[in-house]
């Protein structure tokens, strides 16, 4: 239990440091600002996503990412809770057997030995802890995604950017033809 509390403390310290840290790349005088059609704040997107997962994606007008955010966080949280229920059931059965001379309390565990119960307890405990960590990672990725999308909100993607794929044939040094594919990226 102490191990879990230390992981939680480190995670909270990391998240607080991440939210309140501000960095500056250049002075405002040395940067030529592009013409922006709309003021868009990466800080606001980050805070929105931290308070309510998916809110930063909505602010960035990336609505299609909201189900992915909730799917990832929800699936990880579901698996953590499910493994916790299994852990508690197995642990209660083992404690009951220990206190009642090996008699079983739950009929679904009658065919399990004490060693099998102990192995299942360790398995479910490990995966419960892992899925709680995965839930935290999914939450942090949601925040990072909102921040990065907000930084690229006004990024100009010109329709003149083209990628062409063509077959490629060339005569090599030993008078053999070499075939391949040529990729050409044009900026206009």
C-alpha atoms as a PDB file:
ATOM      1  CA  UNK A   1       0.000   0.000   0.000  1.00  0.00           C
ATOM      2  CA  UNK A   2       2.886   2.361   0.748  1.00  0.00           C
ATOM      3  CA  UNK A   3       4.235   1.733  -2.766  1.00  0.00           C
ATOM      4  CA  UNK A   4       0.950   2.853  -4.293  1.00  0.00           C
ATOM      5  CA  UNK A   5       0.871   6.051  -2.211  1.00  0.00           C
ATOM      6  CA  UNK A   6       4.383   7.000  -3.325  1.00  0.00           C
ATOM      7  CA  UNK A   7       3.428   6.475  -6.998  1.00  0.00           C
ATOM      8  CA  UNK A   8       0.364   8.659  -6.481  1.00  0.00           C
ATOM      9  CA  UNK A   9       2.422  11.404  -4.823  1.00  0.00           C
ATOM     10  CA  UNK A  10       4.991  11.410  -7.634  1.00  0.00           C
ATOM     11  CA  UNK A  11       2.191  11.541 -10.230  1.00  0.00           C
ATOM     12  CA  UNK A  12       0.502  14.487  -8.513  1.00  0.00           C
ATOM     13  CA  UNK A  13       3.793  16.399  -8.202  1.00  0.00           C
ATOM     14  CA  UNK A  14       4.537  15.745 -11.889  1.00  0.00           C
ATOM     15  CA  UNK A  15       1.092  16.972 -12.980  1.00  0.00           C
ATOM     16  CA  UNK A  16       1.291  20.134 -10.844  1.00  0.00           C
ATOM     17  CA  UNK A  17       4.771  20.922 -12.161  1.00  0.00           C
ATOM     18  CA  UNK A  18       3.584  20.370 -15.736  1.00  0.00           C
ATOM     19  CA  UNK A  19       0.556  22.677 -15.357  1.00  0.00           C
ATOM     20  CA  UNK A  20       2.270  25.612 -13.715  1.00  0.00           C
ATOM     21  CA  UNK A  21       5.534  25.628 -15.667  1.00  0.00           C
ATOM     22  CA  UNK A  22       5.870  28.316 -18.338  1.00  0.00           C
ATOM     23  CA  UNK A  23       8.634  28.435 -20.909  1.00  0.00           C
ATOM     24  CA  UNK A  24       9.791  31.193 -23.233  1.00  0.00           C
ATOM     25  CA  UNK A  25      11.601  30.500 -26.492  1.00  0.00           C
ATOM     26  CA  UNK A  26      12.368  33.983 -27.864  1.00  0.00           C
ATOM     27  CA  UNK A  27      11.691  37.646 -27.255  1.00  0.00           C
ATOM     28  CA  UNK A  28       8.604  39.013 -28.923  1.00  0.00           C
ATOM     29  CA  UNK A  29      10.689  41.526 -30.925  1.00  0.00           C
ATOM     30  CA  UNK A  30      12.748  38.865 -32.717  1.00  0.00           C
ATOM     31  CA  UNK A  31       9.808  36.791 -33.905  1.00  0.00           C
ATOM     32  CA  UNK A  32       7.804  37.646 -36.980  1.00  0.00           C
ATOM     33  CA  UNK A  33       4.233  36.817 -36.051  1.00  0.00           C
ATOM     34  CA  UNK A  34       2.115  35.191 -38.725  1.00  0.00           C
ATOM     35  CA  UNK A  35      -1.243  36.683 -39.496  1.00  0.00           C
ATOM     36  CA  UNK A  36      -3.664  34.817 -37.268  1.00  0.00           C
ATOM     37  CA  UNK A  37      -7.317  34.645 -38.036  1.00  0.00           C
ATOM     38  CA  UNK A  38      -8.310  33.825 -34.474  1.00  0.00           C
ATOM     39  CA  UNK A  39      -6.605  34.090 -31.071  1.00  0.00           C
ATOM     40  CA  UNK A  40      -6.165  30.576 -29.686  1.00  0.00           C
ATOM     41  CA  UNK A  41      -4.591  29.828 -26.319  1.00  0.00           C
ATOM     42  CA  UNK A  42      -2.619  26.599 -25.731  1.00  0.00           C
ATOM     43  CA  UNK A  43      -2.698  27.332 -22.003  1.00  0.00           C
ATOM     44  CA  UNK A  44      -6.493  27.472 -22.025  1.00  0.00           C
ATOM     45  CA  UNK A  45      -6.697  24.192 -23.961  1.00  0.00           C
ATOM     46  CA  UNK A  46      -4.328  22.561 -21.458  1.00  0.00           C
ATOM     47  CA  UNK A  47      -6.267  23.760 -18.428  1.00  0.00           C
ATOM     48  CA  UNK A  48      -9.603  22.754 -19.954  1.00  0.00           C
ATOM     49  CA  UNK A  49      -8.308  19.269 -20.697  1.00  0.00           C
ATOM     50  CA  UNK A  50      -6.850  18.950 -17.205  1.00  0.00           C
ATOM     51  CA  UNK A  51     -10.115  19.942 -15.530  1.00  0.00           C
ATOM     52  CA  UNK A  52     -12.386  17.907 -17.817  1.00  0.00           C
ATOM     53  CA  UNK A  53     -10.795  15.346 -20.140  1.00  0.00           C
ATOM     54  CA  UNK A  54     -11.778  16.071 -23.725  1.00  0.00           C
ATOM     55  CA  UNK A  55     -12.649  19.729 -23.103  1.00  0.00           C
ATOM     56  CA  UNK A  56      -9.325  20.857 -24.598  1.00  0.00           C
ATOM     57  CA  UNK A  57     -10.015  18.814 -27.718  1.00  0.00           C
ATOM     58  CA  UNK A  58     -13.444  20.463 -28.005  1.00  0.00           C
ATOM     59  CA  UNK A  59     -11.822  23.896 -27.565  1.00  0.00           C
ATOM     60  CA  UNK A  60      -9.406  23.003 -30.393  1.00  0.00           C
ATOM     61  CA  UNK A  61     -12.373  21.936 -32.564  1.00  0.00           C
ATOM     62  CA  UNK A  62     -11.144  18.332 -32.706  1.00  0.00           C
ATOM     63  CA  UNK A  63     -14.476  16.794 -31.686  1.00  0.00           C
ATOM     64  CA  UNK A  64     -13.600  13.386 -33.120  1.00  0.00           C
ATOM     65  CA  UNK A  65     -10.889  12.904 -30.451  1.00  0.00           C
ATOM     66  CA  UNK A  66     -13.305  13.117 -27.496  1.00  0.00           C
ATOM     67  CA  UNK A  67     -14.595   9.505 -27.838  1.00  0.00           C
ATOM     68  CA  UNK A  68     -10.992   8.303 -28.095  1.00  0.00           C
ATOM     69  CA  UNK A  69     -10.055  10.177 -24.900  1.00  0.00           C
ATOM     70  CA  UNK A  70     -13.022   8.828 -22.956  1.00  0.00           C
ATOM     71  CA  UNK A  71     -12.589   5.354 -24.465  1.00  0.00           C
ATOM     72  CA  UNK A  72      -8.944   5.160 -23.385  1.00  0.00           C
ATOM     73  CA  UNK A  73      -9.519   6.547 -19.891  1.00  0.00           C
ATOM     74  CA  UNK A  74     -12.745   4.574 -19.423  1.00  0.00           C
ATOM     75  CA  UNK A  75     -11.322   1.255 -20.631  1.00  0.00           C
ATOM     76  CA  UNK A  76      -8.272   1.550 -18.379  1.00  0.00           C
ATOM     77  CA  UNK A  77     -10.396   2.560 -15.396  1.00  0.00           C
ATOM     78  CA  UNK A  78     -12.871  -0.284 -16.053  1.00  0.00           C
ATOM     79  CA  UNK A  79     -10.058  -2.837 -16.166  1.00  0.00           C
ATOM     80  CA  UNK A  80      -8.539  -1.444 -12.961  1.00  0.00           C
ATOM     81  CA  UNK A  81     -11.867  -1.667 -11.132  1.00  0.00           C
ATOM     82  CA  UNK A  82     -12.594  -5.134 -12.534  1.00  0.00           C
ATOM     83  CA  UNK A  83      -9.186  -6.416 -11.400  1.00  0.00           C
ATOM     84  CA  UNK A  84      -9.749  -4.831  -7.983  1.00  0.00           C
ATOM     85  CA  UNK A  85     -13.081  -6.690  -7.607  1.00  0.00           C
ATOM     86  CA  UNK A  86     -11.360  -9.971  -8.509  1.00  0.00           C
ATOM     87  CA  UNK A  87      -8.524  -9.206  -6.105  1.00  0.00           C
ATOM     88  CA  UNK A  88     -10.943  -8.500  -3.242  1.00  0.00           C
ATOM     89  CA  UNK A  89     -12.967 -11.701  -3.942  1.00  0.00           C
ATOM     90  CA  UNK A  90      -9.870 -13.911  -4.052  1.00  0.00           C
ATOM     91  CA  UNK A  91      -8.342 -12.255  -1.001  1.00  0.00           C
ATOM     92  CA  UNK A  92     -11.572 -12.622   1.035  1.00  0.00           C
ATOM     93  CA  UNK A  93     -11.738 -16.310   0.147  1.00  0.00           C
ATOM     94  CA  UNK A  94      -8.136 -16.909   1.188  1.00  0.00           C
ATOM     95  CA  UNK A  95      -8.663 -15.073   4.503  1.00  0.00           C
ATOM     96  CA  UNK A  96     -11.853 -17.079   5.163  1.00  0.00           C
ATOM     97  CA  UNK A  97     -10.030 -20.356   4.480  1.00  0.00           C
ATOM     98  CA  UNK A  98      -7.182 -19.349   6.767  1.00  0.00           C
ATOM     99  CA  UNK A  99      -9.574 -18.514   9.624  1.00  0.00           C
ATOM    100  CA  UNK A 100     -11.870 -21.566   9.122  1.00  0.00           C
ATOM    101  CA  UNK A 101      -9.529 -24.559   8.774  1.00  0.00           C
ATOM    102  CA  UNK A 102      -9.504 -24.601   4.966  1.00  0.00           C
ATOM    103  CA  UNK A 103     -13.290 -24.529   4.479  1.00  0.00           C
ATOM    104  CA  UNK A 104     -14.469 -22.590   1.418  1.00  0.00           C
ATOM    105  CA  UNK A 105     -16.832 -19.620   1.689  1.00  0.00           C
ATOM    106  CA  UNK A 106     -17.559 -19.043  -2.013  1.00  0.00           C
ATOM    107  CA  UNK A 107     -18.662 -22.023  -4.173  1.00  0.00           C
ATOM    108  CA  UNK A 108     -16.804 -20.726  -7.235  1.00  0.00           C
ATOM    109  CA  UNK A 109     -13.493 -21.181  -5.382  1.00  0.00           C
ATOM    110  CA  UNK A 110     -14.028 -24.756  -4.129  1.00  0.00           C
ATOM    111  CA  UNK A 111     -11.723 -26.236  -6.791  1.00  0.00           C
ATOM    112  CA  UNK A 112      -8.942 -23.696  -6.116  1.00  0.00           C
ATOM    113  CA  UNK A 113      -6.061 -24.556  -3.808  1.00  0.00           C
ATOM    114  CA  UNK A 114      -4.638 -21.969  -1.431  1.00  0.00           C
ATOM    115  CA  UNK A 115      -1.573 -21.641  -3.674  1.00  0.00           C
ATOM    116  CA  UNK A 116      -3.785 -20.975  -6.707  1.00  0.00           C
ATOM    117  CA  UNK A 117      -5.725 -18.345  -4.779  1.00  0.00           C
ATOM    118  CA  UNK A 118      -2.485 -16.647  -3.725  1.00  0.00           C
ATOM    119  CA  UNK A 119      -1.256 -16.667  -7.332  1.00  0.00           C
ATOM    120  CA  UNK A 120      -4.546 -15.156  -8.553  1.00  0.00           C
ATOM    121  CA  UNK A 121      -4.392 -12.505  -5.812  1.00  0.00           C
ATOM    122  CA  UNK A 122      -0.923 -11.427  -6.951  1.00  0.00           C
ATOM    123  CA  UNK A 123      -2.006 -11.460 -10.607  1.00  0.00           C
ATOM    124  CA  UNK A 124      -5.086  -9.268 -10.051  1.00  0.00           C
ATOM    125  CA  UNK A 125      -3.219  -6.938  -7.716  1.00  0.00           C
ATOM    126  CA  UNK A 126      -0.468  -6.397 -10.303  1.00  0.00           C
ATOM    127  CA  UNK A 127      -2.900  -5.711 -13.143  1.00  0.00           C
ATOM    128  CA  UNK A 128      -5.110  -3.491 -10.972  1.00  0.00           C
ATOM    129  CA  UNK A 129      -2.086  -1.320 -10.185  1.00  0.00           C
ATOM    130  CA  UNK A 130      -0.935  -1.338 -13.825  1.00  0.00           C
ATOM    131  CA  UNK A 131      -4.338  -0.261 -15.118  1.00  0.00           C
ATOM    132  CA  UNK A 132      -4.531   2.584 -12.600  1.00  0.00           C
ATOM    133  CA  UNK A 133      -1.161   3.746 -13.953  1.00  0.00           C
ATOM    134  CA  UNK A 134      -2.438   3.349 -17.545  1.00  0.00           C
ATOM    135  CA  UNK A 135      -5.466   5.476 -16.608  1.00  0.00           C
ATOM    136  CA  UNK A 136      -3.136   8.224 -15.391  1.00  0.00           C
ATOM    137  CA  UNK A 137      -1.055   7.961 -18.570  1.00  0.00           C
ATOM    138  CA  UNK A 138      -4.201   8.243 -20.731  1.00  0.00           C
ATOM    139  CA  UNK A 139      -5.259  11.307 -18.724  1.00  0.00           C
ATOM    140  CA  UNK A 140      -1.846  12.954 -19.181  1.00  0.00           C
ATOM    141  CA  UNK A 141      -1.810  12.119 -22.918  1.00  0.00           C
ATOM    142  CA  UNK A 142      -5.207  13.820 -23.209  1.00  0.00           C
ATOM    143  CA  UNK A 143      -3.688  16.992 -21.737  1.00  0.00           C
ATOM    144  CA  UNK A 144      -0.559  16.829 -23.903  1.00  0.00           C
ATOM    145  CA  UNK A 145      -2.656  16.249 -27.035  1.00  0.00           C
ATOM    146  CA  UNK A 146      -4.833  19.290 -26.291  1.00  0.00           C
ATOM    147  CA  UNK A 147      -1.738  21.448 -25.735  1.00  0.00           C
ATOM    148  CA  UNK A 148      -0.020  20.341 -28.955  1.00  0.00           C
ATOM    149  CA  UNK A 149      -3.207  20.751 -31.015  1.00  0.00           C
ATOM    150  CA  UNK A 150      -3.660  24.251 -29.629  1.00  0.00           C
ATOM    151  CA  UNK A 151      -0.114  25.188 -30.653  1.00  0.00           C
ATOM    152  CA  UNK A 152      -0.839  24.016 -34.211  1.00  0.00           C
ATOM    153  CA  UNK A 153      -4.346  25.501 -34.343  1.00  0.00           C
ATOM    154  CA  UNK A 154      -3.332  28.342 -36.700  1.00  0.00           C
ATOM    155  CA  UNK A 155      -0.773  26.321 -38.632  1.00  0.00           C
ATOM    156  CA  UNK A 156      -1.237  26.894 -42.350  1.00  0.00           C
ATOM    157  CA  UNK A 157      -1.520  23.721 -44.365  1.00  0.00           C
ATOM    158  CA  UNK A 158      -1.515  24.925 -47.923  1.00  0.00           C
ATOM    159  CA  UNK A 159      -3.382  22.938 -50.576  1.00  0.00           C
ATOM    160  CA  UNK A 160      -0.310  23.441 -52.797  1.00  0.00           C
ATOM    161  CA  UNK A 161       1.649  20.918 -50.736  1.00  0.00           C
ATOM    162  CA  UNK A 162       1.799  17.795 -52.916  1.00  0.00           C
ATOM    163  CA  UNK A 163       3.385  14.392 -52.658  1.00  0.00           C
ATOM    164  CA  UNK A 164       3.854  12.476 -55.893  1.00  0.00           C
ATOM    165  CA  UNK A 165       4.698   8.807 -56.189  1.00  0.00           C
ATOM    166  CA  UNK A 166       6.262   7.657 -59.459  1.00  0.00           C
ATOM    167  CA  UNK A 167       8.009   4.502 -60.647  1.00  0.00           C
ATOM    168  CA  UNK A 168      11.770   4.866 -60.789  1.00  0.00           C
ATOM    169  CA  UNK A 169      14.182   3.171 -63.225  1.00  0.00           C
ATOM    170  CA  UNK A 170      17.886   3.905 -63.463  1.00  0.00           C
ATOM    171  CA  UNK A 171      20.846   2.307 -65.138  1.00  0.00           C
ATOM    172  CA  UNK A 172      23.408   1.247 -62.518  1.00  0.00           C
ATOM    173  CA  UNK A 173      27.207   1.123 -62.783  1.00  0.00           C
ATOM    174  CA  UNK A 174      27.218  -2.477 -63.994  1.00  0.00           C
ATOM    175  CA  UNK A 175      24.717  -1.757 -66.815  1.00  0.00           C
ATOM    176  CA  UNK A 176      21.759  -3.241 -64.909  1.00  0.00           C
ATOM    177  CA  UNK A 177      18.417  -1.510 -64.557  1.00  0.00           C
ATOM    178  CA  UNK A 178      17.422  -0.727 -60.969  1.00  0.00           C
ATOM    179  CA  UNK A 179      13.698  -0.260 -60.336  1.00  0.00           C
ATOM    180  CA  UNK A 180      12.030   1.421 -57.398  1.00  0.00           C
ATOM    181  CA  UNK A 181       9.637   4.093 -56.272  1.00  0.00           C
ATOM    182  CA  UNK A 182      10.328   7.829 -56.262  1.00  0.00           C
ATOM    183  CA  UNK A 183       8.648  10.057 -53.688  1.00  0.00           C
ATOM    184  CA  UNK A 184       8.657  13.789 -54.488  1.00  0.00           C
ATOM    185  CA  UNK A 185       7.401  16.434 -52.061  1.00  0.00           C
ATOM    186  CA  UNK A 186       6.632  19.826 -53.627  1.00  0.00           C
ATOM    187  CA  UNK A 187       6.208  23.083 -51.733  1.00  0.00           C
ATOM    188  CA  UNK A 188       4.599  25.799 -53.857  1.00  0.00           C
END
